[in-house]
């Protein structure tokens, strides 16, 4: 564990400004685009399933209500 920490500290201490300016990997804009796509997909899925989930919850509620004696 200490070996890994010392390697990490060594790498951080040798970073230059040019290393930080490299454009390797994904940028913030790309992450934002992916996030928006995930949100849109989740919204579409939840919208499509909302009717069936509502129906299923209603049926479950009716069954539970039928099990409870009316004398309570």
PDB file of N, CA and C in Angstrom:
ATOM      1  N   UNK A   1       0.826  -1.185   0.000  1.00  0.00           N
ATOM      2  CA  UNK A   1       0.000   0.000   0.000  1.00  0.00           C
ATOM      3  C   UNK A   1       0.868   1.245   0.000  1.00  0.00           C
ATOM      4  N   UNK A   2       1.880   1.254   0.840  1.00  0.00           N
ATOM      5  CA  UNK A   2       2.773   2.407   0.888  1.00  0.00           C
ATOM      6  C   UNK A   2       3.571   2.551  -0.401  1.00  0.00           C
ATOM      7  N   UNK A   3       3.878   1.420  -1.041  1.00  0.00           N
ATOM      8  CA  UNK A   3       4.595   1.475  -2.311  1.00  0.00           C
ATOM      9  C   UNK A   3       3.753   2.184  -3.369  1.00  0.00           C
ATOM     10  N   UNK A   4       2.491   1.836  -3.425  1.00  0.00           N
ATOM     11  CA  UNK A   4       1.603   2.457  -4.401  1.00  0.00           C
ATOM     12  C   UNK A   4       1.453   3.954  -4.138  1.00  0.00           C
ATOM     13  N   UNK A   5       1.348   4.302  -2.859  1.00  0.00           N
ATOM     14  CA  UNK A   5       1.213   5.704  -2.495  1.00  0.00           C
ATOM     15  C   UNK A   5       2.463   6.490  -2.874  1.00  0.00           C
ATOM     16  N   UNK A   6       3.629   5.912  -2.635  1.00  0.00           N
ATOM     17  CA  UNK A   6       4.864   6.612  -2.983  1.00  0.00           C
ATOM     18  C   UNK A   6       5.013   6.762  -4.498  1.00  0.00           C
ATOM     19  N   UNK A   7       4.563   5.768  -5.266  1.00  0.00           N
ATOM     20  CA  UNK A   7       4.598   5.870  -6.730  1.00  0.00           C
ATOM     21  C   UNK A   7       3.656   6.972  -7.190  1.00  0.00           C
ATOM     22  N   UNK A   8       2.458   7.018  -6.604  1.00  0.00           N
ATOM     23  CA  UNK A   8       1.495   8.058  -6.964  1.00  0.00           C
ATOM     24  C   UNK A   8       2.041   9.443  -6.656  1.00  0.00           C
ATOM     25  N   UNK A   9       2.621   9.606  -5.490  1.00  0.00           N
ATOM     26  CA  UNK A   9       3.188  10.901  -5.112  1.00  0.00           C
ATOM     27  C   UNK A   9       4.338  11.266  -6.040  1.00  0.00           C
ATOM     28  N   UNK A  10       5.146  10.291  -6.421  1.00  0.00           N
ATOM     29  CA  UNK A  10       6.244  10.546  -7.351  1.00  0.00           C
ATOM     30  C   UNK A  10       5.749  10.995  -8.710  1.00  0.00           C
ATOM     31  N   UNK A  11       4.682  10.385  -9.197  1.00  0.00           N
ATOM     32  CA  UNK A  11       4.132  10.771 -10.500  1.00  0.00           C
ATOM     33  C   UNK A  11       3.503  12.154 -10.456  1.00  0.00           C
ATOM     34  N   UNK A  12       2.804  12.456  -9.383  1.00  0.00           N
ATOM     35  CA  UNK A  12       2.174  13.762  -9.253  1.00  0.00           C
ATOM     36  C   UNK A  12       3.227  14.858  -9.170  1.00  0.00           C
ATOM     37  N   UNK A  13       4.305  14.575  -8.472  1.00  0.00           N
ATOM     38  CA  UNK A  13       5.339  15.606  -8.299  1.00  0.00           C
ATOM     39  C   UNK A  13       6.102  15.886  -9.592  1.00  0.00           C
ATOM     40  N   UNK A  14       6.074  14.961 -10.556  1.00  0.00           N
ATOM     41  CA  UNK A  14       6.802  15.174 -11.807  1.00  0.00           C
ATOM     42  C   UNK A  14       5.903  15.674 -12.938  1.00  0.00           C
ATOM     43  N   UNK A  15       4.629  15.932 -12.658  1.00  0.00           N
ATOM     44  CA  UNK A  15       3.731  16.441 -13.690  1.00  0.00           C
ATOM     45  C   UNK A  15       4.135  17.853 -14.085  1.00  0.00           C
ATOM     46  N   UNK A  16       4.030  18.138 -15.362  1.00  0.00           N
ATOM     47  CA  UNK A  16       4.297  19.494 -15.835  1.00  0.00           C
ATOM     48  C   UNK A  16       3.001  20.095 -16.348  1.00  0.00           C
ATOM     49  N   UNK A  17       3.036  21.366 -16.662  1.00  0.00           N
ATOM     50  CA  UNK A  17       1.861  22.033 -17.185  1.00  0.00           C
ATOM     51  C   UNK A  17       1.444  21.440 -18.524  1.00  0.00           C
ATOM     52  N   UNK A  18       2.398  20.996 -19.311  1.00  0.00           N
ATOM     53  CA  UNK A  18       2.082  20.379 -20.606  1.00  0.00           C
ATOM     54  C   UNK A  18       1.338  19.056 -20.422  1.00  0.00           C
ATOM     55  N   UNK A  19       1.680  18.313 -19.380  1.00  0.00           N
ATOM     56  CA  UNK A  19       0.967  17.065 -19.104  1.00  0.00           C
ATOM     57  C   UNK A  19      -0.503  17.329 -18.797  1.00  0.00           C
ATOM     58  N   UNK A  20      -0.764  18.427 -18.100  1.00  0.00           N
ATOM     59  CA  UNK A  20      -2.133  18.755 -17.735  1.00  0.00           C
ATOM     60  C   UNK A  20      -2.930  19.288 -18.917  1.00  0.00           C
ATOM     61  N   UNK A  21      -2.280  19.820 -19.931  1.00  0.00           N
ATOM     62  CA  UNK A  21      -2.950  20.385 -21.096  1.00  0.00           C
ATOM     63  C   UNK A  21      -3.262  19.346 -22.167  1.00  0.00           C
ATOM     64  N   UNK A  22      -2.733  18.143 -22.046  1.00  0.00           N
ATOM     65  CA  UNK A  22      -2.996  17.120 -23.059  1.00  0.00           C
ATOM     66  C   UNK A  22      -4.482  16.870 -23.188  1.00  0.00           C
ATOM     67  N   UNK A  23      -4.917  16.544 -24.367  1.00  0.00           N
ATOM     68  CA  UNK A  23      -6.333  16.316 -24.615  1.00  0.00           C
ATOM     69  C   UNK A  23      -6.634  14.835 -24.817  1.00  0.00           C
ATOM     70  N   UNK A  24      -5.893  13.992 -24.161  1.00  0.00           N
ATOM     71  CA  UNK A  24      -6.162  12.556 -24.221  1.00  0.00           C
ATOM     72  C   UNK A  24      -7.392  12.247 -23.384  1.00  0.00           C
ATOM     73  N   UNK A  25      -8.130  11.280 -23.823  1.00  0.00           N
ATOM     74  CA  UNK A  25      -9.294  10.855 -23.056  1.00  0.00           C
ATOM     75  C   UNK A  25     -10.515  11.693 -23.370  1.00  0.00           C
ATOM     76  N   UNK A  26     -11.535  11.499 -22.563  1.00  0.00           N
ATOM     77  CA  UNK A  26     -12.804  12.169 -22.813  1.00  0.00           C
ATOM     78  C   UNK A  26     -12.822  13.541 -22.160  1.00  0.00           C
ATOM     79  N   UNK A  27     -13.493  14.464 -22.806  1.00  0.00           N
ATOM     80  CA  UNK A  27     -13.613  15.805 -22.267  1.00  0.00           C
ATOM     81  C   UNK A  27     -14.922  15.942 -21.515  1.00  0.00           C
ATOM     82  N   UNK A  28     -15.065  17.063 -20.861  1.00  0.00           N
ATOM     83  CA  UNK A  28     -16.273  17.316 -20.082  1.00  0.00           C
ATOM     84  C   UNK A  28     -17.508  17.340 -20.980  1.00  0.00           C
ATOM     85  N   UNK A  29     -17.357  17.872 -22.179  1.00  0.00           N
ATOM     86  CA  UNK A  29     -18.493  17.930 -23.101  1.00  0.00           C
ATOM     87  C   UNK A  29     -18.954  16.520 -23.464  1.00  0.00           C
ATOM     88  N   UNK A  30     -18.028  15.624 -23.699  1.00  0.00           N
ATOM     89  CA  UNK A  30     -18.400  14.250 -24.036  1.00  0.00           C
ATOM     90  C   UNK A  30     -19.118  13.578 -22.871  1.00  0.00           C
ATOM     91  N   UNK A  31     -18.646  13.831 -21.652  1.00  0.00           N
ATOM     92  CA  UNK A  31     -19.338  13.280 -20.491  1.00  0.00           C
ATOM     93  C   UNK A  31     -20.752  13.852 -20.378  1.00  0.00           C
ATOM     94  N   UNK A  32     -20.907  15.129 -20.662  1.00  0.00           N
ATOM     95  CA  UNK A  32     -22.225  15.759 -20.587  1.00  0.00           C
ATOM     96  C   UNK A  32     -23.172  15.157 -21.624  1.00  0.00           C
ATOM     97  N   UNK A  33     -22.675  14.899 -22.824  1.00  0.00           N
ATOM     98  CA  UNK A  33     -23.506  14.298 -23.870  1.00  0.00           C
ATOM     99  C   UNK A  33     -23.959  12.901 -23.454  1.00  0.00           C
ATOM    100  N   UNK A  34     -23.067  12.127 -22.909  1.00  0.00           N
ATOM    101  CA  UNK A  34     -23.415  10.775 -22.448  1.00  0.00           C
ATOM    102  C   UNK A  34     -24.434  10.855 -21.320  1.00  0.00           C
ATOM    103  N   UNK A  35     -24.242  11.786 -20.398  1.00  0.00           N
ATOM    104  CA  UNK A  35     -25.179  11.946 -19.287  1.00  0.00           C
ATOM    105  C   UNK A  35     -26.574  12.315 -19.793  1.00  0.00           C
ATOM    106  N   UNK A  36     -26.654  13.226 -20.750  1.00  0.00           N
ATOM    107  CA  UNK A  36     -27.946  13.615 -21.313  1.00  0.00           C
ATOM    108  C   UNK A  36     -28.611  12.425 -21.995  1.00  0.00           C
ATOM    109  N   UNK A  37     -27.854  11.635 -22.732  1.00  0.00           N
ATOM    110  CA  UNK A  37     -28.419  10.453 -23.389  1.00  0.00           C
ATOM    111  C   UNK A  37     -28.945   9.443 -22.376  1.00  0.00           C
ATOM    112  N   UNK A  38     -28.222   9.240 -21.301  1.00  0.00           N
ATOM    113  CA  UNK A  38     -28.669   8.309 -20.255  1.00  0.00           C
ATOM    114  C   UNK A  38     -29.950   8.819 -19.607  1.00  0.00           C
ATOM    115  N   UNK A  39     -30.016  10.124 -19.346  1.00  0.00           N
ATOM    116  CA  UNK A  39     -31.221  10.703 -18.738  1.00  0.00           C
ATOM    117  C   UNK A  39     -32.418  10.562 -19.678  1.00  0.00           C
ATOM    118  N   UNK A  40     -32.208  10.835 -20.964  1.00  0.00           N
ATOM    119  CA  UNK A  40     -33.299  10.693 -21.931  1.00  0.00           C
ATOM    120  C   UNK A  40     -33.781   9.252 -22.031  1.00  0.00           C
ATOM    121  N   UNK A  41     -32.840   8.315 -22.051  1.00  0.00           N
ATOM    122  CA  UNK A  41     -33.212   6.905 -22.127  1.00  0.00           C
ATOM    123  C   UNK A  41     -33.971   6.466 -20.877  1.00  0.00           C
ATOM    124  N   UNK A  42     -33.497   6.875 -19.710  1.00  0.00           N
ATOM    125  CA  UNK A  42     -34.178   6.509 -18.469  1.00  0.00           C
ATOM    126  C   UNK A  42     -35.584   7.100 -18.424  1.00  0.00           C
ATOM    127  N   UNK A  43     -35.721   8.340 -18.870  1.00  0.00           N
ATOM    128  CA  UNK A  43     -37.042   8.974 -18.896  1.00  0.00           C
ATOM    129  C   UNK A  43     -37.982   8.230 -19.830  1.00  0.00           C
ATOM    130  N   UNK A  44     -37.486   7.845 -20.988  1.00  0.00           N
ATOM    131  CA  UNK A  44     -38.312   7.109 -21.942  1.00  0.00           C
ATOM    132  C   UNK A  44     -38.747   5.762 -21.368  1.00  0.00           C
ATOM    133  N   UNK A  45     -37.836   5.061 -20.722  1.00  0.00           N
ATOM    134  CA  UNK A  45     -38.157   3.757 -20.147  1.00  0.00           C
ATOM    135  C   UNK A  45     -39.173   3.910 -19.017  1.00  0.00           C
ATOM    136  N   UNK A  46     -38.971   4.890 -18.136  1.00  0.00           N
ATOM    137  CA  UNK A  46     -39.907   5.085 -17.029  1.00  0.00           C
ATOM    138  C   UNK A  46     -41.281   5.502 -17.531  1.00  0.00           C
ATOM    139  N   UNK A  47     -41.317   6.312 -18.578  1.00  0.00           N
ATOM    140  CA  UNK A  47     -42.596   6.726 -19.157  1.00  0.00           C
ATOM    141  C   UNK A  47     -43.318   5.530 -19.772  1.00  0.00           C
ATOM    142  N   UNK A  48     -42.570   4.694 -20.468  1.00  0.00           N
ATOM    143  CA  UNK A  48     -43.177   3.525 -21.112  1.00  0.00           C
ATOM    144  C   UNK A  48     -43.702   2.532 -20.077  1.00  0.00           C
ATOM    145  N   UNK A  49     -43.032   2.412 -18.966  1.00  0.00           N
ATOM    146  CA  UNK A  49     -43.423   1.431 -17.951  1.00  0.00           C
ATOM    147  C   UNK A  49     -44.392   1.979 -16.915  1.00  0.00           C
ATOM    148  N   UNK A  50     -44.638   3.266 -16.921  1.00  0.00           N
ATOM    149  CA  UNK A  50     -45.443   3.862 -15.856  1.00  0.00           C
ATOM    150  C   UNK A  50     -46.862   3.297 -15.805  1.00  0.00           C
ATOM    151  N   UNK A  51     -47.467   3.059 -16.949  1.00  0.00           N
ATOM    152  CA  UNK A  51     -48.829   2.519 -16.957  1.00  0.00           C
ATOM    153  C   UNK A  51     -48.893   1.127 -16.377  1.00  0.00           C
ATOM    154  N   UNK A  52     -47.988   0.261 -16.777  1.00  0.00           N
ATOM    155  CA  UNK A  52     -48.021  -1.115 -16.274  1.00  0.00           C
ATOM    156  C   UNK A  52     -47.638  -1.178 -14.795  1.00  0.00           C
ATOM    157  N   UNK A  53     -46.738  -0.324 -14.367  1.00  0.00           N
ATOM    158  CA  UNK A  53     -46.365  -0.302 -12.948  1.00  0.00           C
ATOM    159  C   UNK A  53     -47.543   0.195 -12.122  1.00  0.00           C
ATOM    160  N   UNK A  54     -48.236   1.212 -12.612  1.00  0.00           N
ATOM    161  CA  UNK A  54     -49.396   1.728 -11.898  1.00  0.00           C
ATOM    162  C   UNK A  54     -50.485   0.663 -11.782  1.00  0.00           C
ATOM    163  N   UNK A  55     -50.717  -0.063 -12.857  1.00  0.00           N
ATOM    164  CA  UNK A  55     -51.717  -1.132 -12.850  1.00  0.00           C
ATOM    165  C   UNK A  55     -51.330  -2.234 -11.863  1.00  0.00           C
ATOM    166  N   UNK A  56     -50.077  -2.627 -11.875  1.00  0.00           N
ATOM    167  CA  UNK A  56     -49.607  -3.683 -10.973  1.00  0.00           C
ATOM    168  C   UNK A  56     -49.733  -3.244  -9.518  1.00  0.00           C
ATOM    169  N   UNK A  57     -49.393  -1.993  -9.228  1.00  0.00           N
ATOM    170  CA  UNK A  57     -49.506  -1.510  -7.844  1.00  0.00           C
ATOM    171  C   UNK A  57     -50.968  -1.453  -7.407  1.00  0.00           C
ATOM    172  N   UNK A  58     -51.850  -1.089  -8.319  1.00  0.00           N
ATOM    173  CA  UNK A  58     -53.280  -1.076  -8.004  1.00  0.00           C
ATOM    174  C   UNK A  58     -53.797  -2.468  -7.685  1.00  0.00           C
ATOM    175  N   UNK A  59     -53.354  -3.450  -8.465  1.00  0.00           N
ATOM    176  CA  UNK A  59     -53.778  -4.835  -8.215  1.00  0.00           C
ATOM    177  C   UNK A  59     -53.243  -5.333  -6.870  1.00  0.00           C
ATOM    178  N   UNK A  60     -52.012  -5.015  -6.569  1.00  0.00           N
ATOM    179  CA  UNK A  60     -51.425  -5.425  -5.286  1.00  0.00           C
ATOM    180  C   UNK A  60     -52.188  -4.779  -4.142  1.00  0.00           C
ATOM    181  N   UNK A  61     -52.491  -3.488  -4.277  1.00  0.00           N
ATOM    182  CA  UNK A  61     -53.256  -2.783  -3.243  1.00  0.00           C
ATOM    183  C   UNK A  61     -54.628  -3.395  -3.038  1.00  0.00           C
ATOM    184  N   UNK A  62     -55.274  -3.782  -4.122  1.00  0.00           N
ATOM    185  CA  UNK A  62     -56.611  -4.391  -4.019  1.00  0.00           C
ATOM    186  C   UNK A  62     -56.528  -5.744  -3.314  1.00  0.00           C
ATOM    187  N   UNK A  63     -55.511  -6.520  -3.606  1.00  0.00           N
ATOM    188  CA  UNK A  63     -55.359  -7.817  -2.947  1.00  0.00           C
ATOM    189  C   UNK A  63     -55.082  -7.657  -1.456  1.00  0.00           C
ATOM    190  N   UNK A  64     -54.256  -6.702  -1.123  1.00  0.00           N
ATOM    191  CA  UNK A  64     -53.948  -6.451   0.305  1.00  0.00           C
ATOM    192  C   UNK A  64     -55.202  -5.996   1.027  1.00  0.00           C
ATOM    193  N   UNK A  65     -55.957  -5.105   0.391  1.00  0.00           N
ATOM    194  CA  UNK A  65     -57.203  -4.608   1.005  1.00  0.00           C
ATOM    195  C   UNK A  65     -58.195  -5.747   1.207  1.00  0.00           C
ATOM    196  N   UNK A  66     -58.239  -6.681   0.266  1.00  0.00           N
ATOM    197  CA  UNK A  66     -59.147  -7.825   0.381  1.00  0.00           C
ATOM    198  C   UNK A  66     -58.746  -8.747   1.525  1.00  0.00           C
ATOM    199  N   UNK A  67     -57.486  -8.783   1.880  1.00  0.00           N
ATOM    200  CA  UNK A  67     -57.013  -9.652   2.963  1.00  0.00           C
ATOM    201  C   UNK A  67     -57.298  -9.073   4.351  1.00  0.00           C
ATOM    202  N   UNK A  68     -57.463  -7.774   4.429  1.00  0.00           N
ATOM    203  CA  UNK A  68     -57.685  -7.122   5.725  1.00  0.00           C
ATOM    204  C   UNK A  68     -59.161  -7.237   6.087  1.00  0.00           C
ATOM    205  N   UNK A  69     -59.453  -7.757   7.272  1.00  0.00           N
ATOM    206  CA  UNK A  69     -60.857  -7.868   7.691  1.00  0.00           C
ATOM    207  C   UNK A  69     -61.490  -6.479   7.824  1.00  0.00           C
ATOM    208  N   UNK A  70     -62.742  -6.360   7.454  1.00  0.00           N
ATOM    209  CA  UNK A  70     -63.437  -5.058   7.502  1.00  0.00           C
ATOM    210  C   UNK A  70     -63.774  -4.638   8.919  1.00  0.00           C
ATOM    211  N   UNK A  71     -63.612  -5.519   9.909  1.00  0.00           N
ATOM    212  CA  UNK A  71     -63.959  -5.187  11.286  1.00  0.00           C
ATOM    213  C   UNK A  71     -62.871  -4.334  11.957  1.00  0.00           C
ATOM    214  N   UNK A  72     -61.725  -4.140  11.298  1.00  0.00           N
ATOM    215  CA  UNK A  72     -60.684  -3.312  11.906  1.00  0.00           C
ATOM    216  C   UNK A  72     -61.028  -1.914  11.769  1.00  0.00           C
TER     217      UNK A  72
END
